[in-house]
Every structure is written in C-alpha cells, then in structure tokens.
Amino acid sequence: MVTIKIDEKTKKGKAFMEMFEVFFKNVEGIEIVQPDYGQVNEEESTYNPEFVDMVLKSAKDKKSTEINPNDVWGSLGLK
C-alpha cells in the first residue's frame, strides 16, 4: 500500500484530485481514503481519545490543583 498526501486547498492539489477521479473512478484496487482525524494538523493522535477527553474535562474543572514544579510537595500541602 502506498500513501500519497495531497493538499486539496492548492490549485495543483485540486487539479490532481479532479484528474485522479476522472481516470481512476471505479477502478478495482484503487481507492481514495480521506483521513478523519479531527485535528488542525491532521496527524493521527497517538493518545487514547478517552484519555484526551478526561484531560480536557479536568482542565476545565474548578476543583483542579496547580502544581508548582519548583515546590511540588509544598503545592500539594505536604510540606
């Protein structure tokens, strides 16, 4: 399998996609697959989506505690 990355926002990318669809539409063994990563950089995340949701929710939570990296024990009240 070969992956070709095409920027469909550019003039050349649009032209390539149009040409590709004309010549290879319904050809067995050739398929256009659109990635659906839902991220701005369009790279597949290596993080578990459930973990990402948990982190984002906890960041908005008012009960969260900020840790001072220079005084970890003190910021946790353990000093």
PDB file of N, CA and C in Angstrom:
ATOM      1  N   MET A   1       0.842  -1.171   0.000  1.00  0.00           N
ATOM      2  CA  MET A   1       0.000   0.000   0.000  1.00  0.00           C
ATOM      3  C   MET A   1       0.889   1.235   0.000  1.00  0.00           C
ATOM      4  N   VAL A   2       0.498   2.243  -0.744  1.00  0.00           N
ATOM      5  CA  VAL A   2       1.222   3.495  -0.849  1.00  0.00           C
ATOM      6  C   VAL A   2       0.300   4.625  -0.410  1.00  0.00           C
ATOM      7  N   THR A   3       0.840   5.576   0.324  1.00  0.00           N
ATOM      8  CA  THR A   3       0.073   6.739   0.750  1.00  0.00           C
ATOM      9  C   THR A   3       0.618   7.966   0.051  1.00  0.00           C
ATOM     10  N   ILE A   4      -0.259   8.740  -0.547  1.00  0.00           N
ATOM     11  CA  ILE A   4       0.124   9.991  -1.200  1.00  0.00           C
ATOM     12  C   ILE A   4      -0.633  11.106  -0.500  1.00  0.00           C
ATOM     13  N   LYS A   5       0.076  12.105  -0.014  1.00  0.00           N
ATOM     14  CA  LYS A   5      -0.551  13.226   0.676  1.00  0.00           C
ATOM     15  C   LYS A   5      -0.709  14.377  -0.312  1.00  0.00           C
ATOM     16  N   ILE A   6      -1.951  14.850  -0.479  1.00  0.00           N
ATOM     17  CA  ILE A   6      -2.249  15.911  -1.437  1.00  0.00           C
ATOM     18  C   ILE A   6      -2.968  17.029  -0.716  1.00  0.00           C
ATOM     19  N   ASP A   7      -2.469  18.236  -0.850  1.00  0.00           N
ATOM     20  CA  ASP A   7      -3.131  19.395  -0.247  1.00  0.00           C
ATOM     21  C   ASP A   7      -4.217  19.873  -1.208  1.00  0.00           C
ATOM     22  N   GLU A   8      -5.451  19.538  -0.896  1.00  0.00           N
ATOM     23  CA  GLU A   8      -6.570  19.864  -1.781  1.00  0.00           C
ATOM     24  C   GLU A   8      -6.921  21.356  -1.776  1.00  0.00           C
ATOM     25  N   LYS A   9      -6.252  22.128  -0.941  1.00  0.00           N
ATOM     26  CA  LYS A   9      -6.507  23.568  -0.891  1.00  0.00           C
ATOM     27  C   LYS A   9      -5.734  24.309  -1.978  1.00  0.00           C
ATOM     28  N   THR A  10      -4.693  23.662  -2.515  1.00  0.00           N
ATOM     29  CA  THR A  10      -3.882  24.319  -3.534  1.00  0.00           C
ATOM     30  C   THR A  10      -4.459  24.069  -4.924  1.00  0.00           C
ATOM     31  N   LYS A  11      -4.072  24.902  -5.849  1.00  0.00           N
ATOM     32  CA  LYS A  11      -4.539  24.788  -7.229  1.00  0.00           C
ATOM     33  C   LYS A  11      -4.101  23.456  -7.846  1.00  0.00           C
ATOM     34  N   LYS A  12      -2.840  23.092  -7.626  1.00  0.00           N
ATOM     35  CA  LYS A  12      -2.317  21.843  -8.178  1.00  0.00           C
ATOM     36  C   LYS A  12      -2.950  20.633  -7.505  1.00  0.00           C
ATOM     37  N   GLY A  13      -3.203  20.735  -6.206  1.00  0.00           N
ATOM     38  CA  GLY A  13      -3.840  19.638  -5.486  1.00  0.00           C
ATOM     39  C   GLY A  13      -5.251  19.392  -5.983  1.00  0.00           C
ATOM     40  N   LYS A  14      -6.011  20.468  -6.204  1.00  0.00           N
ATOM     41  CA  LYS A  14      -7.377  20.341  -6.737  1.00  0.00           C
ATOM     42  C   LYS A  14      -7.352  19.714  -8.133  1.00  0.00           C
ATOM     43  N   ALA A  15      -6.414  20.177  -8.966  1.00  0.00           N
ATOM     44  CA  ALA A  15      -6.308  19.654 -10.331  1.00  0.00           C
ATOM     45  C   ALA A  15      -5.950  18.171 -10.310  1.00  0.00           C
ATOM     46  N   PHE A  16      -5.042  17.784  -9.428  1.00  0.00           N
ATOM     47  CA  PHE A  16      -4.652  16.380  -9.336  1.00  0.00           C
ATOM     48  C   PHE A  16      -5.835  15.518  -8.927  1.00  0.00           C
ATOM     49  N   MET A  17      -6.598  15.961  -7.919  1.00  0.00           N
ATOM     50  CA  MET A  17      -7.741  15.187  -7.451  1.00  0.00           C
ATOM     51  C   MET A  17      -8.802  15.039  -8.544  1.00  0.00           C
ATOM     52  N   GLU A  18      -9.041  16.103  -9.303  1.00  0.00           N
ATOM     53  CA  GLU A  18     -10.010  16.027 -10.410  1.00  0.00           C
ATOM     54  C   GLU A  18      -9.538  15.027 -11.465  1.00  0.00           C
ATOM     55  N   MET A  19      -8.248  15.097 -11.814  1.00  0.00           N
ATOM     56  CA  MET A  19      -7.701  14.180 -12.808  1.00  0.00           C
ATOM     57  C   MET A  19      -7.760  12.736 -12.291  1.00  0.00           C
ATOM     58  N   PHE A  20      -7.415  12.542 -11.033  1.00  0.00           N
ATOM     59  CA  PHE A  20      -7.428  11.216 -10.438  1.00  0.00           C
ATOM     60  C   PHE A  20      -8.828  10.612 -10.488  1.00  0.00           C
ATOM     61  N   GLU A  21      -9.839  11.410 -10.130  1.00  0.00           N
ATOM     62  CA  GLU A  21     -11.216  10.919 -10.133  1.00  0.00           C
ATOM     63  C   GLU A  21     -11.677  10.550 -11.541  1.00  0.00           C
ATOM     64  N   VAL A  22     -11.255  11.311 -12.544  1.00  0.00           N
ATOM     65  CA  VAL A  22     -11.656  11.019 -13.920  1.00  0.00           C
ATOM     66  C   VAL A  22     -11.039   9.703 -14.396  1.00  0.00           C
ATOM     67  N   PHE A  23      -9.751   9.514 -14.144  1.00  0.00           N
ATOM     68  CA  PHE A  23      -9.056   8.343 -14.670  1.00  0.00           C
ATOM     69  C   PHE A  23      -9.242   7.066 -13.844  1.00  0.00           C
ATOM     70  N   PHE A  24      -9.432   7.207 -12.533  1.00  0.00           N
ATOM     71  CA  PHE A  24      -9.412   6.021 -11.686  1.00  0.00           C
ATOM     72  C   PHE A  24     -10.702   5.759 -10.926  1.00  0.00           C
ATOM     73  N   LYS A  25     -11.771   6.441 -11.259  1.00  0.00           N
ATOM     74  CA  LYS A  25     -13.038   6.211 -10.574  1.00  0.00           C
ATOM     75  C   LYS A  25     -13.543   4.801 -10.903  1.00  0.00           C
ATOM     76  N   ASN A  26     -13.944   4.062  -9.884  1.00  0.00           N
ATOM     77  CA  ASN A  26     -14.464   2.696 -10.001  1.00  0.00           C
ATOM     78  C   ASN A  26     -13.452   1.693 -10.550  1.00  0.00           C
ATOM     79  N   VAL A  27     -12.156   1.953 -10.358  1.00  0.00           N
ATOM     80  CA  VAL A  27     -11.120   1.012 -10.763  1.00  0.00           C
ATOM     81  C   VAL A  27     -10.797   0.134  -9.557  1.00  0.00           C
ATOM     82  N   GLU A  28     -10.835  -1.169  -9.754  1.00  0.00           N
ATOM     83  CA  GLU A  28     -10.584  -2.095  -8.659  1.00  0.00           C
ATOM     84  C   GLU A  28      -9.143  -1.974  -8.170  1.00  0.00           C
ATOM     85  N   GLY A  29      -8.978  -1.892  -6.857  1.00  0.00           N
ATOM     86  CA  GLY A  29      -7.651  -1.822  -6.264  1.00  0.00           C
ATOM     87  C   GLY A  29      -7.169  -0.407  -6.001  1.00  0.00           C
ATOM     88  N   ILE A  30      -7.915   0.604  -6.445  1.00  0.00           N
ATOM     89  CA  ILE A  30      -7.530   1.994  -6.212  1.00  0.00           C
ATOM     90  C   ILE A  30      -8.690   2.685  -5.503  1.00  0.00           C
ATOM     91  N   GLU A  31      -8.378   3.336  -4.408  1.00  0.00           N
ATOM     92  CA  GLU A  31      -9.426   3.944  -3.590  1.00  0.00           C
ATOM     93  C   GLU A  31      -8.908   5.245  -2.984  1.00  0.00           C
ATOM     94  N   ILE A  32      -9.750   6.242  -2.931  1.00  0.00           N
ATOM     95  CA  ILE A  32      -9.418   7.492  -2.250  1.00  0.00           C
ATOM     96  C   ILE A  32      -9.952   7.382  -0.832  1.00  0.00           C
ATOM     97  N   VAL A  33      -9.057   7.529   0.131  1.00  0.00           N
ATOM     98  CA  VAL A  33      -9.438   7.446   1.537  1.00  0.00           C
ATOM     99  C   VAL A  33      -9.147   8.793   2.170  1.00  0.00           C
ATOM    100  N   GLN A  34     -10.159   9.392   2.764  1.00  0.00           N
ATOM    101  CA  GLN A  34      -9.998  10.685   3.423  1.00  0.00           C
ATOM    102  C   GLN A  34      -9.756  10.457   4.912  1.00  0.00           C
ATOM    103  N   PRO A  35      -8.633  10.932   5.444  1.00  0.00           N
ATOM    104  CA  PRO A  35      -8.404  10.789   6.887  1.00  0.00           C
ATOM    105  C   PRO A  35      -9.365  11.676   7.659  1.00  0.00           C
ATOM    106  N   ASP A  36      -9.827  11.189   8.792  1.00  0.00           N
ATOM    107  CA  ASP A  36     -10.756  11.947   9.630  1.00  0.00           C
ATOM    108  C   ASP A  36     -10.183  12.017  11.033  1.00  0.00           C
ATOM    109  N   TYR A  37      -9.175  12.847  11.197  1.00  0.00           N
ATOM    110  CA  TYR A  37      -8.523  12.939  12.495  1.00  0.00           C
ATOM    111  C   TYR A  37      -9.163  13.992  13.375  1.00  0.00           C
ATOM    112  N   GLY A  38      -9.831  14.976  12.787  1.00  0.00           N
ATOM    113  CA  GLY A  38     -10.489  15.996  13.576  1.00  0.00           C
ATOM    114  C   GLY A  38      -9.520  16.928  14.284  1.00  0.00           C
ATOM    115  N   GLN A  39      -8.314  17.035  13.803  1.00  0.00           N
ATOM    116  CA  GLN A  39      -7.330  17.905  14.409  1.00  0.00           C
ATOM    117  C   GLN A  39      -6.869  18.917  13.382  1.00  0.00           C
ATOM    118  N   VAL A  40      -6.359  19.996  13.871  1.00  0.00           N
ATOM    119  CA  VAL A  40      -5.907  21.057  12.980  1.00  0.00           C
ATOM    120  C   VAL A  40      -4.727  20.599  12.135  1.00  0.00           C
ATOM    121  N   ASN A  41      -3.792  19.880  12.739  1.00  0.00           N
ATOM    122  CA  ASN A  41      -2.612  19.462  11.994  1.00  0.00           C
ATOM    123  C   ASN A  41      -2.841  18.194  11.175  1.00  0.00           C
ATOM    124  N   GLU A  42      -3.996  17.583  11.303  1.00  0.00           N
ATOM    125  CA  GLU A  42      -4.426  16.421  10.528  1.00  0.00           C
ATOM    126  C   GLU A  42      -3.518  15.206  10.688  1.00  0.00           C
ATOM    127  N   GLU A  43      -2.773  15.150  11.786  1.00  0.00           N
ATOM    128  CA  GLU A  43      -1.981  13.955  12.057  1.00  0.00           C
ATOM    129  C   GLU A  43      -2.757  13.089  13.042  1.00  0.00           C
ATOM    130  N   GLU A  44      -2.636  11.803  12.873  1.00  0.00           N
ATOM    131  CA  GLU A  44      -3.329  10.900  13.768  1.00  0.00           C
ATOM    132  C   GLU A  44      -2.734  11.015  15.166  1.00  0.00           C
ATOM    133  N   SER A  45      -3.595  11.157  16.157  1.00  0.00           N
ATOM    134  CA  SER A  45      -3.144  11.293  17.532  1.00  0.00           C
ATOM    135  C   SER A  45      -2.670   9.948  18.065  1.00  0.00           C
ATOM    136  N   THR A  46      -1.586   9.986  18.826  1.00  0.00           N
ATOM    137  CA  THR A  46      -1.085   8.772  19.457  1.00  0.00           C
ATOM    138  C   THR A  46      -1.743   8.549  20.807  1.00  0.00           C
ATOM    139  N   TYR A  47      -2.566   9.523  21.244  1.00  0.00           N
ATOM    140  CA  TYR A  47      -3.228   9.433  22.532  1.00  0.00           C
ATOM    141  C   TYR A  47      -4.597   8.781  22.403  1.00  0.00           C
ATOM    142  N   ASN A  48      -4.990   8.067  23.433  1.00  0.00           N
ATOM    143  CA  ASN A  48      -6.302   7.456  23.510  1.00  0.00           C
ATOM    144  C   ASN A  48      -7.344   8.573  23.608  1.00  0.00           C
ATOM    145  N   PRO A  49      -8.394   8.574  22.754  1.00  0.00           N
ATOM    146  CA  PRO A  49      -9.397   9.645  22.775  1.00  0.00           C
ATOM    147  C   PRO A  49     -10.082   9.796  24.133  1.00  0.00           C
ATOM    148  N   GLU A  50     -10.274   8.697  24.852  1.00  0.00           N
ATOM    149  CA  GLU A  50     -10.881   8.775  26.184  1.00  0.00           C
ATOM    150  C   GLU A  50      -9.967   9.526  27.148  1.00  0.00           C
ATOM    151  N   PHE A  51      -8.664   9.297  27.040  1.00  0.00           N
ATOM    152  CA  PHE A  51      -7.696   9.987  27.884  1.00  0.00           C
ATOM    153  C   PHE A  51      -7.687  11.486  27.572  1.00  0.00           C
ATOM    154  N   VAL A  52      -7.731  11.832  26.286  1.00  0.00           N
ATOM    155  CA  VAL A  52      -7.745  13.239  25.881  1.00  0.00           C
ATOM    156  C   VAL A  52      -8.985  13.925  26.441  1.00  0.00           C
ATOM    157  N   ASP A  53     -10.152  13.288  26.336  1.00  0.00           N
ATOM    158  CA  ASP A  53     -11.387  13.865  26.883  1.00  0.00           C
ATOM    159  C   ASP A  53     -11.274  14.078  28.384  1.00  0.00           C
ATOM    160  N   MET A  54     -10.709  13.090  29.090  1.00  0.00           N
ATOM    161  CA  MET A  54     -10.552  13.192  30.539  1.00  0.00           C
ATOM    162  C   MET A  54      -9.654  14.380  30.909  1.00  0.00           C
ATOM    163  N   VAL A  55      -8.552  14.548  30.196  1.00  0.00           N
ATOM    164  CA  VAL A  55      -7.623  15.637  30.483  1.00  0.00           C
ATOM    165  C   VAL A  55      -8.279  16.986  30.196  1.00  0.00           C
ATOM    166  N   LEU A  56      -8.983  17.102  29.077  1.00  0.00           N
ATOM    167  CA  LEU A  56      -9.629  18.362  28.741  1.00  0.00           C
ATOM    168  C   LEU A  56     -10.727  18.725  29.742  1.00  0.00           C
ATOM    169  N   LYS A  57     -11.492  17.732  30.189  1.00  0.00           N
ATOM    170  CA  LYS A  57     -12.539  17.985  31.186  1.00  0.00           C
ATOM    171  C   LYS A  57     -11.930  18.407  32.516  1.00  0.00           C
ATOM    172  N   SER A  58     -10.859  17.744  32.923  1.00  0.00           N
ATOM    173  CA  SER A  58     -10.241  18.082  34.208  1.00  0.00           C
ATOM    174  C   SER A  58      -9.578  19.456  34.161  1.00  0.00           C
ATOM    175  N   ALA A  59      -9.125  19.880  33.005  1.00  0.00           N
ATOM    176  CA  ALA A  59      -8.520  21.204  32.886  1.00  0.00           C
ATOM    177  C   ALA A  59      -9.564  22.297  33.113  1.00  0.00           C
ATOM    178  N   LYS A  60     -10.816  22.028  32.773  1.00  0.00           N
ATOM    179  CA  LYS A  60     -11.895  23.000  32.953  1.00  0.00           C
ATOM    180  C   LYS A  60     -12.497  22.931  34.352  1.00  0.00           C
ATOM    181  N   ASP A  61     -12.208  21.870  35.092  1.00  0.00           N
ATOM    182  CA  ASP A  61     -12.780  21.653  36.412  1.00  0.00           C
ATOM    183  C   ASP A  61     -12.229  22.679  37.405  1.00  0.00           C
ATOM    184  N   LYS A  62     -13.114  23.258  38.225  1.00  0.00           N
ATOM    185  CA  LYS A  62     -12.712  24.258  39.214  1.00  0.00           C
ATOM    186  C   LYS A  62     -11.977  23.633  40.398  1.00  0.00           C
ATOM    187  N   LYS A  63     -12.115  22.323  40.579  1.00  0.00           N
ATOM    188  CA  LYS A  63     -11.511  21.640  41.716  1.00  0.00           C
ATOM    189  C   LYS A  63     -10.065  21.227  41.453  1.00  0.00           C
ATOM    190  N   SER A  64      -9.522  21.544  40.304  1.00  0.00           N
ATOM    191  CA  SER A  64      -8.168  21.106  39.972  1.00  0.00           C
ATOM    192  C   SER A  64      -7.131  21.873  40.797  1.00  0.00           C
ATOM    193  N   THR A  65      -5.976  21.282  40.949  1.00  0.00           N
ATOM    194  CA  THR A  65      -4.889  21.874  41.719  1.00  0.00           C
ATOM    195  C   THR A  65      -3.700  22.087  40.805  1.00  0.00           C
ATOM    196  N   GLU A  66      -3.164  23.308  40.821  1.00  0.00           N
ATOM    197  CA  GLU A  66      -1.970  23.583  40.037  1.00  0.00           C
ATOM    198  C   GLU A  66      -0.752  23.217  40.851  1.00  0.00           C
ATOM    199  N   ILE A  67       0.164  22.535  40.225  1.00  0.00           N
ATOM    200  CA  ILE A  67       1.380  22.086  40.898  1.00  0.00           C
ATOM    201  C   ILE A  67       2.543  22.977  40.469  1.00  0.00           C
ATOM    202  N   ASN A  68       3.252  23.498  41.452  1.00  0.00           N
ATOM    203  CA  ASN A  68       4.443  24.290  41.177  1.00  0.00           C
ATOM    204  C   ASN A  68       5.604  23.318  41.004  1.00  0.00           C
ATOM    205  N   PRO A  69       6.211  23.245  39.825  1.00  0.00           N
ATOM    206  CA  PRO A  69       7.284  22.273  39.604  1.00  0.00           C
ATOM    207  C   PRO A  69       8.516  22.526  40.488  1.00  0.00           C
ATOM    208  N   ASN A  70       8.654  23.753  40.996  1.00  0.00           N
ATOM    209  CA  ASN A  70       9.799  24.060  41.860  1.00  0.00           C
ATOM    210  C   ASN A  70       9.540  23.686  43.316  1.00  0.00           C
ATOM    211  N   ASP A  71       8.255  23.482  43.673  1.00  0.00           N
ATOM    212  CA  ASP A  71       7.892  23.118  45.041  1.00  0.00           C
ATOM    213  C   ASP A  71       6.688  22.171  45.002  1.00  0.00           C
ATOM    214  N   VAL A  72       6.893  20.965  44.498  1.00  0.00           N
ATOM    215  CA  VAL A  72       5.806  20.001  44.317  1.00  0.00           C
ATOM    216  C   VAL A  72       5.149  19.674  45.649  1.00  0.00           C
ATOM    217  N   TRP A  73       5.929  19.322  46.656  1.00  0.00           N
ATOM    218  CA  TRP A  73       5.364  18.921  47.953  1.00  0.00           C
ATOM    219  C   TRP A  73       4.612  20.077  48.609  1.00  0.00           C
ATOM    220  N   GLY A  74       5.160  21.255  48.514  1.00  0.00           N
ATOM    221  CA  GLY A  74       4.507  22.428  49.111  1.00  0.00           C
ATOM    222  C   GLY A  74       3.194  22.769  48.424  1.00  0.00           C
ATOM    223  N   SER A  75       3.144  22.650  47.098  1.00  0.00           N
ATOM    224  CA  SER A  75       1.911  22.980  46.385  1.00  0.00           C
ATOM    225  C   SER A  75       0.832  21.936  46.618  1.00  0.00           C
ATOM    226  N   LEU A  76       1.210  20.742  47.081  1.00  0.00           N
ATOM    227  CA  LEU A  76       0.228  19.698  47.428  1.00  0.00           C
ATOM    228  C   LEU A  76      -0.146  19.758  48.913  1.00  0.00           C
ATOM    229  N   GLY A  77       0.488  20.678  49.649  1.00  0.00           N
ATOM    230  CA  GLY A  77       0.204  20.807  51.073  1.00  0.00           C
ATOM    231  C   GLY A  77       0.825  19.705  51.896  1.00  0.00           C
ATOM    232  N   LEU A  78       1.899  19.130  51.454  1.00  0.00           N
ATOM    233  CA  LEU A  78       2.523  18.011  52.137  1.00  0.00           C
ATOM    234  C   LEU A  78       3.865  18.383  52.756  1.00  0.00           C
ATOM    235  N   LYS A  79       4.162  19.656  52.862  1.00  0.00           N
ATOM    236  CA  LYS A  79       5.454  20.086  53.399  1.00  0.00           C
ATOM    237  C   LYS A  79       5.321  20.472  54.832  1.00  0.00           C
TER     238      LYS A  79
END
